[in-house]
Amino acid sequence: MNANALKTHFKLDIGDAGGLDAAASIPDVRVARSQLAAYGDINQPDRLAPVDVVLAVERITGNPRVVAHMAAELGYRLQRVELPDTGELSQALAELARDEGALFAELVPYVNRDMVIPEKQRAGAMTLLRRLVIAAQAIETILAPKVL
């Protein structure tokens, strides 16, 4: 592990966060300004930033330099994915549940019967089924990882 590289990346992160004072004020950064300075100082090789502090700073900067360096040390490469918007997912799930319930309500009277489904009910069921497929596709789109 190259401690100097980690420290250099962390020092750049601190700069991107607005400097030591700004980084120390990030809510999840649980250390003081002086400790942040030590974590970026190559003359203090035994003082490395804890992972939770690195994540807090890199979450704010949007540039995971230290995390990417650690991944590379293990032979991996970071790839950003966009996480689903929970509000969008909730809406799509609600639409799916609504359409599914409506479809079942439309078809329940004809279950376990040898009756032919009247054209009006069949057309209504087909419309609901298409809406159900659209809602399911929306959920699939939301949940599929998006590589940026």
N, C-alpha and C. Protein backbone atom coordinates (compact mmCIF):
# COMPACT_ATOMS: atom_id res chain seq x y z
N MET A 1 0.84 -1.17 0.00
CA MET A 1 0.00 0.00 0.00
C MET A 1 0.89 1.24 0.00
N ASN A 2 0.53 2.17 -0.84
CA ASN A 2 1.30 3.40 -0.95
C ASN A 2 0.65 4.48 -0.10
N ALA A 3 1.15 4.68 1.13
CA ALA A 3 0.58 5.65 2.06
C ALA A 3 0.69 7.06 1.51
N ASN A 4 1.77 7.38 0.82
CA ASN A 4 1.92 8.73 0.27
C ASN A 4 0.83 9.03 -0.76
N ALA A 5 0.50 8.05 -1.58
CA ALA A 5 -0.56 8.25 -2.58
C ALA A 5 -1.90 8.46 -1.89
N LEU A 6 -2.19 7.66 -0.86
CA LEU A 6 -3.45 7.83 -0.12
C LEU A 6 -3.52 9.22 0.50
N LYS A 7 -2.42 9.65 1.08
CA LYS A 7 -2.38 10.97 1.72
C LYS A 7 -2.54 12.09 0.69
N THR A 8 -1.89 11.94 -0.45
CA THR A 8 -2.00 12.94 -1.51
C THR A 8 -3.44 13.03 -2.01
N HIS A 9 -4.07 11.88 -2.22
CA HIS A 9 -5.47 11.86 -2.66
C HIS A 9 -6.37 12.51 -1.60
N PHE A 10 -6.10 12.20 -0.35
CA PHE A 10 -6.94 12.75 0.72
C PHE A 10 -6.76 14.27 0.80
N LYS A 11 -5.55 14.73 0.64
CA LYS A 11 -5.29 16.18 0.68
C LYS A 11 -6.04 16.88 -0.45
N LEU A 12 -6.08 16.26 -1.63
CA LEU A 12 -6.84 16.81 -2.75
C LEU A 12 -8.34 16.82 -2.42
N ASP A 13 -8.80 15.77 -1.77
CA ASP A 13 -10.21 15.71 -1.34
C ASP A 13 -10.54 16.87 -0.40
N ILE A 14 -9.65 17.14 0.54
CA ILE A 14 -9.86 18.23 1.50
C ILE A 14 -9.96 19.56 0.75
N GLY A 15 -9.09 19.74 -0.24
CA GLY A 15 -9.16 20.95 -1.06
C GLY A 15 -10.48 21.07 -1.80
N ASP A 16 -10.95 19.95 -2.37
CA ASP A 16 -12.23 19.94 -3.08
C ASP A 16 -13.40 20.21 -2.15
N ALA A 17 -13.24 19.84 -0.89
CA ALA A 17 -14.31 20.06 0.09
C ALA A 17 -14.33 21.50 0.59
N GLY A 18 -13.35 22.31 0.17
CA GLY A 18 -13.32 23.70 0.59
C GLY A 18 -12.26 24.02 1.62
N GLY A 19 -11.36 23.09 1.87
CA GLY A 19 -10.29 23.32 2.84
C GLY A 19 -10.54 22.60 4.15
N LEU A 20 -9.59 22.72 5.04
CA LEU A 20 -9.65 22.00 6.32
C LEU A 20 -10.85 22.39 7.18
N ASP A 21 -11.12 23.69 7.28
CA ASP A 21 -12.24 24.13 8.11
C ASP A 21 -13.57 23.62 7.56
N ALA A 22 -13.74 23.74 6.24
CA ALA A 22 -14.99 23.26 5.62
C ALA A 22 -15.12 21.75 5.78
N ALA A 23 -14.03 21.01 5.58
CA ALA A 23 -14.09 19.55 5.71
C ALA A 23 -14.38 19.14 7.15
N ALA A 24 -13.80 19.85 8.10
CA ALA A 24 -14.04 19.51 9.51
C ALA A 24 -15.50 19.76 9.91
N SER A 25 -16.18 20.61 9.15
CA SER A 25 -17.58 20.91 9.49
C SER A 25 -18.57 19.97 8.82
N ILE A 26 -18.10 19.04 8.00
CA ILE A 26 -18.98 18.06 7.36
C ILE A 26 -19.55 17.19 8.49
N PRO A 27 -20.88 17.03 8.53
CA PRO A 27 -21.51 16.33 9.66
C PRO A 27 -20.91 14.97 10.02
N ASP A 28 -20.59 14.13 9.04
CA ASP A 28 -20.09 12.79 9.35
C ASP A 28 -18.59 12.74 9.57
N VAL A 29 -17.91 13.87 9.44
CA VAL A 29 -16.47 13.91 9.72
C VAL A 29 -16.33 14.10 11.23
N ARG A 30 -15.85 13.08 11.89
CA ARG A 30 -15.84 13.05 13.36
C ARG A 30 -14.51 13.46 13.97
N VAL A 31 -13.64 14.03 13.14
CA VAL A 31 -12.31 14.41 13.62
C VAL A 31 -12.12 15.92 13.46
N ALA A 32 -11.12 16.44 14.18
CA ALA A 32 -10.84 17.87 14.16
C ALA A 32 -10.00 18.24 12.94
N ARG A 33 -9.92 19.52 12.71
CA ARG A 33 -9.14 20.10 11.62
C ARG A 33 -7.70 19.60 11.64
N SER A 34 -7.09 19.55 12.82
CA SER A 34 -5.68 19.15 12.94
C SER A 34 -5.49 17.69 12.50
N GLN A 35 -6.47 16.85 12.83
CA GLN A 35 -6.36 15.45 12.41
C GLN A 35 -6.50 15.33 10.89
N LEU A 36 -7.40 16.10 10.32
CA LEU A 36 -7.55 16.08 8.86
C LEU A 36 -6.24 16.51 8.19
N ALA A 37 -5.60 17.52 8.75
CA ALA A 37 -4.32 17.97 8.21
C ALA A 37 -3.28 16.85 8.28
N ALA A 38 -3.23 16.15 9.40
CA ALA A 38 -2.26 15.06 9.56
C ALA A 38 -2.52 13.93 8.57
N TYR A 39 -3.81 13.66 8.28
CA TYR A 39 -4.15 12.58 7.34
C TYR A 39 -3.65 12.89 5.93
N GLY A 40 -3.48 14.17 5.60
CA GLY A 40 -2.99 14.55 4.28
C GLY A 40 -1.52 14.89 4.24
N ASP A 41 -0.83 14.75 5.37
CA ASP A 41 0.58 15.15 5.48
C ASP A 41 1.48 13.95 5.24
N ILE A 42 2.24 13.98 4.15
CA ILE A 42 3.11 12.84 3.83
C ILE A 42 4.26 12.70 4.82
N ASN A 43 4.50 13.71 5.65
CA ASN A 43 5.54 13.62 6.68
C ASN A 43 5.05 12.91 7.93
N GLN A 44 3.80 12.50 7.94
CA GLN A 44 3.24 11.72 9.06
C GLN A 44 2.66 10.42 8.48
N PRO A 45 3.54 9.51 8.03
CA PRO A 45 3.08 8.32 7.29
C PRO A 45 2.21 7.37 8.12
N ASP A 46 2.30 7.45 9.44
CA ASP A 46 1.52 6.54 10.28
C ASP A 46 0.11 7.05 10.56
N ARG A 47 -0.24 8.23 10.10
CA ARG A 47 -1.55 8.84 10.35
C ARG A 47 -2.37 8.80 9.06
N LEU A 48 -3.17 7.76 8.89
CA LEU A 48 -4.02 7.63 7.72
C LEU A 48 -5.47 7.92 8.11
N ALA A 49 -6.21 8.49 7.19
CA ALA A 49 -7.62 8.82 7.45
C ALA A 49 -8.44 7.55 7.62
N PRO A 50 -9.28 7.49 8.65
CA PRO A 50 -10.19 6.35 8.80
C PRO A 50 -11.16 6.29 7.62
N VAL A 51 -11.59 5.11 7.30
CA VAL A 51 -12.46 4.91 6.14
C VAL A 51 -13.74 5.74 6.23
N ASP A 52 -14.35 5.82 7.41
CA ASP A 52 -15.60 6.59 7.52
C ASP A 52 -15.38 8.07 7.26
N VAL A 53 -14.21 8.59 7.63
CA VAL A 53 -13.90 9.99 7.38
C VAL A 53 -13.67 10.21 5.88
N VAL A 54 -12.95 9.28 5.26
CA VAL A 54 -12.73 9.35 3.81
C VAL A 54 -14.08 9.36 3.08
N LEU A 55 -14.96 8.44 3.45
CA LEU A 55 -16.26 8.37 2.79
C LEU A 55 -17.08 9.64 2.99
N ALA A 56 -17.04 10.20 4.17
CA ALA A 56 -17.80 11.43 4.44
C ALA A 56 -17.30 12.56 3.55
N VAL A 57 -15.99 12.70 3.44
CA VAL A 57 -15.42 13.77 2.62
C VAL A 57 -15.68 13.51 1.13
N GLU A 58 -15.46 12.28 0.69
CA GLU A 58 -15.62 11.97 -0.72
C GLU A 58 -17.08 11.97 -1.15
N ARG A 59 -17.97 11.73 -0.23
CA ARG A 59 -19.40 11.84 -0.52
C ARG A 59 -19.75 13.29 -0.86
N ILE A 60 -19.14 14.22 -0.14
CA ILE A 60 -19.38 15.64 -0.38
C ILE A 60 -18.72 16.10 -1.68
N THR A 61 -17.50 15.66 -1.92
CA THR A 61 -16.77 16.13 -3.11
C THR A 61 -17.26 15.45 -4.39
N GLY A 62 -17.79 14.24 -4.25
CA GLY A 62 -18.23 13.51 -5.44
C GLY A 62 -17.10 12.91 -6.24
N ASN A 63 -15.90 12.91 -5.67
CA ASN A 63 -14.73 12.36 -6.36
C ASN A 63 -14.02 11.39 -5.43
N PRO A 64 -14.27 10.09 -5.56
CA PRO A 64 -13.70 9.11 -4.63
C PRO A 64 -12.26 8.73 -4.93
N ARG A 65 -11.37 9.68 -4.79
CA ARG A 65 -9.96 9.43 -5.09
C ARG A 65 -9.35 8.34 -4.22
N VAL A 66 -9.54 8.47 -2.91
CA VAL A 66 -8.92 7.51 -1.99
C VAL A 66 -9.55 6.13 -2.18
N VAL A 67 -10.86 6.10 -2.28
CA VAL A 67 -11.55 4.81 -2.46
C VAL A 67 -11.12 4.17 -3.78
N ALA A 68 -11.01 4.97 -4.83
CA ALA A 68 -10.57 4.44 -6.13
C ALA A 68 -9.14 3.90 -6.04
N HIS A 69 -8.29 4.62 -5.31
CA HIS A 69 -6.91 4.16 -5.16
C HIS A 69 -6.87 2.82 -4.40
N MET A 70 -7.66 2.72 -3.34
CA MET A 70 -7.69 1.45 -2.59
C MET A 70 -8.23 0.32 -3.45
N ALA A 71 -9.26 0.59 -4.25
CA ALA A 71 -9.80 -0.43 -5.15
C ALA A 71 -8.74 -0.87 -6.14
N ALA A 72 -8.00 0.09 -6.68
CA ALA A 72 -6.94 -0.23 -7.64
C ALA A 72 -5.84 -1.08 -7.00
N GLU A 73 -5.55 -0.81 -5.74
CA GLU A 73 -4.56 -1.62 -5.01
C GLU A 73 -4.97 -3.09 -4.95
N LEU A 74 -6.29 -3.32 -4.98
CA LEU A 74 -6.81 -4.70 -4.94
C LEU A 74 -7.08 -5.26 -6.33
N GLY A 75 -6.77 -4.46 -7.36
CA GLY A 75 -6.98 -4.92 -8.72
C GLY A 75 -8.37 -4.62 -9.26
N TYR A 76 -9.09 -3.71 -8.64
CA TYR A 76 -10.44 -3.36 -9.08
C TYR A 76 -10.46 -1.93 -9.60
N ARG A 77 -11.52 -1.63 -10.33
CA ARG A 77 -11.75 -0.29 -10.85
C ARG A 77 -13.16 0.11 -10.43
N LEU A 78 -13.28 1.32 -9.91
CA LEU A 78 -14.59 1.80 -9.52
C LEU A 78 -15.42 2.13 -10.75
N GLN A 79 -16.72 1.87 -10.64
CA GLN A 79 -17.64 2.24 -11.70
C GLN A 79 -18.87 2.84 -11.03
N ARG A 80 -19.17 4.06 -11.38
CA ARG A 80 -20.29 4.74 -10.74
C ARG A 80 -21.61 4.22 -11.29
N VAL A 81 -22.54 3.97 -10.39
CA VAL A 81 -23.90 3.61 -10.77
C VAL A 81 -24.85 4.59 -10.11
N GLU A 82 -25.93 4.88 -10.79
CA GLU A 82 -26.93 5.78 -10.25
C GLU A 82 -27.95 4.96 -9.49
N LEU A 83 -28.13 5.30 -8.23
CA LEU A 83 -29.10 4.58 -7.41
C LEU A 83 -30.51 5.06 -7.72
N PRO A 84 -31.50 4.18 -7.59
CA PRO A 84 -32.86 4.60 -7.90
C PRO A 84 -33.36 5.68 -6.95
N ASP A 85 -34.17 6.57 -7.48
CA ASP A 85 -34.85 7.58 -6.68
C ASP A 85 -35.98 6.87 -5.96
N THR A 86 -35.96 6.85 -4.63
CA THR A 86 -36.96 6.09 -3.88
C THR A 86 -38.36 6.63 -4.10
N GLY A 87 -38.52 7.93 -4.34
CA GLY A 87 -39.84 8.49 -4.63
C GLY A 87 -40.37 7.96 -5.94
N GLU A 88 -39.49 7.89 -6.94
CA GLU A 88 -39.88 7.36 -8.25
C GLU A 88 -40.23 5.88 -8.14
N LEU A 89 -39.47 5.14 -7.37
CA LEU A 89 -39.75 3.73 -7.17
C LEU A 89 -41.07 3.53 -6.44
N SER A 90 -41.32 4.32 -5.41
CA SER A 90 -42.57 4.21 -4.67
C SER A 90 -43.76 4.46 -5.58
N GLN A 91 -43.66 5.47 -6.43
CA GLN A 91 -44.74 5.78 -7.37
C GLN A 91 -44.97 4.62 -8.33
N ALA A 92 -43.91 4.06 -8.87
CA ALA A 92 -44.04 2.95 -9.82
C ALA A 92 -44.63 1.72 -9.14
N LEU A 93 -44.22 1.45 -7.90
CA LEU A 93 -44.79 0.31 -7.16
C LEU A 93 -46.27 0.54 -6.87
N ALA A 94 -46.64 1.76 -6.53
CA ALA A 94 -48.05 2.06 -6.26
C ALA A 94 -48.88 1.86 -7.53
N GLU A 95 -48.35 2.29 -8.67
CA GLU A 95 -49.07 2.10 -9.93
C GLU A 95 -49.20 0.62 -10.27
N LEU A 96 -48.14 -0.14 -10.02
CA LEU A 96 -48.19 -1.58 -10.28
C LEU A 96 -49.25 -2.24 -9.41
N ALA A 97 -49.26 -1.91 -8.12
CA ALA A 97 -50.24 -2.50 -7.19
C ALA A 97 -51.67 -2.11 -7.60
N ARG A 98 -51.86 -0.84 -7.96
CA ARG A 98 -53.20 -0.38 -8.38
C ARG A 98 -53.68 -1.15 -9.60
N ASP A 99 -52.82 -1.26 -10.62
CA ASP A 99 -53.21 -1.92 -11.85
C ASP A 99 -53.41 -3.42 -11.65
N GLU A 100 -52.57 -4.01 -10.81
CA GLU A 100 -52.71 -5.44 -10.52
C GLU A 100 -54.04 -5.71 -9.82
N GLY A 101 -54.36 -4.89 -8.83
CA GLY A 101 -55.63 -5.04 -8.12
C GLY A 101 -56.82 -4.87 -9.04
N ALA A 102 -56.77 -3.88 -9.91
CA ALA A 102 -57.86 -3.64 -10.85
C ALA A 102 -58.01 -4.81 -11.82
N LEU A 103 -56.90 -5.36 -12.29
CA LEU A 103 -56.96 -6.49 -13.21
C LEU A 103 -57.58 -7.71 -12.54
N PHE A 104 -57.15 -8.01 -11.33
CA PHE A 104 -57.73 -9.14 -10.62
C PHE A 104 -59.22 -8.93 -10.36
N ALA A 105 -59.59 -7.72 -9.97
CA ALA A 105 -61.01 -7.44 -9.73
C ALA A 105 -61.84 -7.64 -11.00
N GLU A 106 -61.27 -7.29 -12.13
CA GLU A 106 -61.96 -7.44 -13.41
C GLU A 106 -62.16 -8.91 -13.78
N LEU A 107 -61.16 -9.75 -13.43
CA LEU A 107 -61.19 -11.14 -13.88
C LEU A 107 -61.70 -12.15 -12.85
N VAL A 108 -61.75 -11.78 -11.57
CA VAL A 108 -62.16 -12.72 -10.52
C VAL A 108 -63.52 -13.37 -10.80
N PRO A 109 -64.51 -12.64 -11.28
CA PRO A 109 -65.80 -13.30 -11.51
C PRO A 109 -65.75 -14.46 -12.51
N TYR A 110 -64.69 -14.54 -13.30
CA TYR A 110 -64.60 -15.55 -14.35
C TYR A 110 -63.63 -16.68 -14.00
N VAL A 111 -63.01 -16.61 -12.83
CA VAL A 111 -62.07 -17.64 -12.41
C VAL A 111 -62.84 -18.89 -12.00
N ASN A 112 -62.32 -20.04 -12.35
CA ASN A 112 -62.91 -21.34 -12.03
C ASN A 112 -64.31 -21.51 -12.59
N ARG A 113 -64.57 -20.87 -13.68
CA ARG A 113 -65.85 -21.03 -14.37
C ARG A 113 -65.55 -21.35 -15.83
N ASP A 114 -66.48 -21.97 -16.42
CA ASP A 114 -66.34 -22.26 -17.84
C ASP A 114 -66.99 -21.16 -18.67
N MET A 115 -67.14 -20.00 -18.04
CA MET A 115 -67.79 -18.90 -18.73
C MET A 115 -66.81 -18.20 -19.66
N VAL A 116 -67.34 -17.69 -20.72
CA VAL A 116 -66.55 -16.88 -21.63
C VAL A 116 -66.55 -15.46 -21.08
N ILE A 117 -65.40 -14.83 -21.11
CA ILE A 117 -65.29 -13.46 -20.62
C ILE A 117 -65.92 -12.55 -21.68
N PRO A 118 -66.89 -11.76 -21.27
CA PRO A 118 -67.52 -10.85 -22.25
C PRO A 118 -66.50 -9.88 -22.83
N GLU A 119 -66.77 -9.45 -24.07
CA GLU A 119 -65.84 -8.58 -24.80
C GLU A 119 -65.49 -7.32 -24.01
N LYS A 120 -66.46 -6.69 -23.38
CA LYS A 120 -66.22 -5.45 -22.64
C LYS A 120 -65.23 -5.70 -21.49
N GLN A 121 -65.43 -6.79 -20.75
CA GLN A 121 -64.53 -7.12 -19.63
C GLN A 121 -63.16 -7.55 -20.15
N ARG A 122 -63.14 -8.27 -21.27
CA ARG A 122 -61.85 -8.69 -21.83
C ARG A 122 -61.06 -7.47 -22.30
N ALA A 123 -61.71 -6.53 -22.95
CA ALA A 123 -61.02 -5.31 -23.41
C ALA A 123 -60.51 -4.52 -22.21
N GLY A 124 -61.33 -4.42 -21.16
CA GLY A 124 -60.89 -3.72 -19.95
C GLY A 124 -59.70 -4.42 -19.31
N ALA A 125 -59.76 -5.76 -19.27
CA ALA A 125 -58.66 -6.53 -18.68
C ALA A 125 -57.38 -6.37 -19.50
N MET A 126 -57.51 -6.31 -20.83
CA MET A 126 -56.33 -6.15 -21.68
C MET A 126 -55.71 -4.77 -21.48
N THR A 127 -56.54 -3.75 -21.31
CA THR A 127 -56.02 -2.40 -21.04
C THR A 127 -55.27 -2.38 -19.72
N LEU A 128 -55.87 -3.01 -18.70
CA LEU A 128 -55.21 -3.08 -17.40
C LEU A 128 -53.92 -3.88 -17.48
N LEU A 129 -53.93 -4.95 -18.23
CA LEU A 129 -52.73 -5.77 -18.38
C LEU A 129 -51.61 -4.97 -19.05
N ARG A 130 -51.93 -4.18 -20.07
CA ARG A 130 -50.91 -3.35 -20.71
C ARG A 130 -50.36 -2.32 -19.72
N ARG A 131 -51.24 -1.71 -18.91
CA ARG A 131 -50.78 -0.75 -17.90
C ARG A 131 -49.88 -1.44 -16.88
N LEU A 132 -50.23 -2.68 -16.55
CA LEU A 132 -49.44 -3.46 -15.60
C LEU A 132 -48.04 -3.72 -16.15
N VAL A 133 -47.96 -4.06 -17.43
CA VAL A 133 -46.66 -4.31 -18.07
C VAL A 133 -45.84 -3.01 -18.09
N ILE A 134 -46.47 -1.88 -18.40
CA ILE A 134 -45.76 -0.60 -18.43
C ILE A 134 -45.23 -0.25 -17.04
N ALA A 135 -46.05 -0.48 -16.00
CA ALA A 135 -45.61 -0.20 -14.63
C ALA A 135 -44.44 -1.11 -14.25
N ALA A 136 -44.51 -2.38 -14.64
CA ALA A 136 -43.42 -3.32 -14.33
C ALA A 136 -42.14 -2.92 -15.06
N GLN A 137 -42.26 -2.46 -16.31
CA GLN A 137 -41.09 -2.01 -17.05
C GLN A 137 -40.48 -0.76 -16.42
N ALA A 138 -41.33 0.11 -15.90
CA ALA A 138 -40.83 1.32 -15.23
C ALA A 138 -40.02 0.92 -14.00
N ILE A 139 -40.51 -0.05 -13.26
CA ILE A 139 -39.80 -0.51 -12.06
C ILE A 139 -38.47 -1.14 -12.45
N GLU A 140 -38.48 -1.93 -13.52
CA GLU A 140 -37.24 -2.54 -13.99
C GLU A 140 -36.22 -1.47 -14.38
N THR A 141 -36.67 -0.42 -15.05
CA THR A 141 -35.79 0.67 -15.46
C THR A 141 -35.21 1.38 -14.24
N ILE A 142 -36.05 1.59 -13.24
CA ILE A 142 -35.60 2.28 -12.01
C ILE A 142 -34.56 1.44 -11.29
N LEU A 143 -34.80 0.14 -11.19
CA LEU A 143 -33.91 -0.73 -10.40
C LEU A 143 -32.64 -1.14 -11.12
N ALA A 144 -32.65 -1.08 -12.45
CA ALA A 144 -31.46 -1.51 -13.20
C ALA A 144 -30.33 -0.53 -12.93
N PRO A 145 -29.13 -1.03 -12.63
CA PRO A 145 -28.00 -0.12 -12.39
C PRO A 145 -27.73 0.70 -13.63
N LYS A 146 -27.49 1.97 -13.42
CA LYS A 146 -27.17 2.88 -14.52
C LYS A 146 -25.70 3.23 -14.42
N VAL A 147 -24.94 2.81 -15.40
CA VAL A 147 -23.52 3.10 -15.43
C VAL A 147 -23.35 4.49 -16.01
N LEU A 148 -22.64 5.32 -15.27
CA LEU A 148 -22.45 6.71 -15.72
C LEU A 148 -21.10 6.89 -16.35
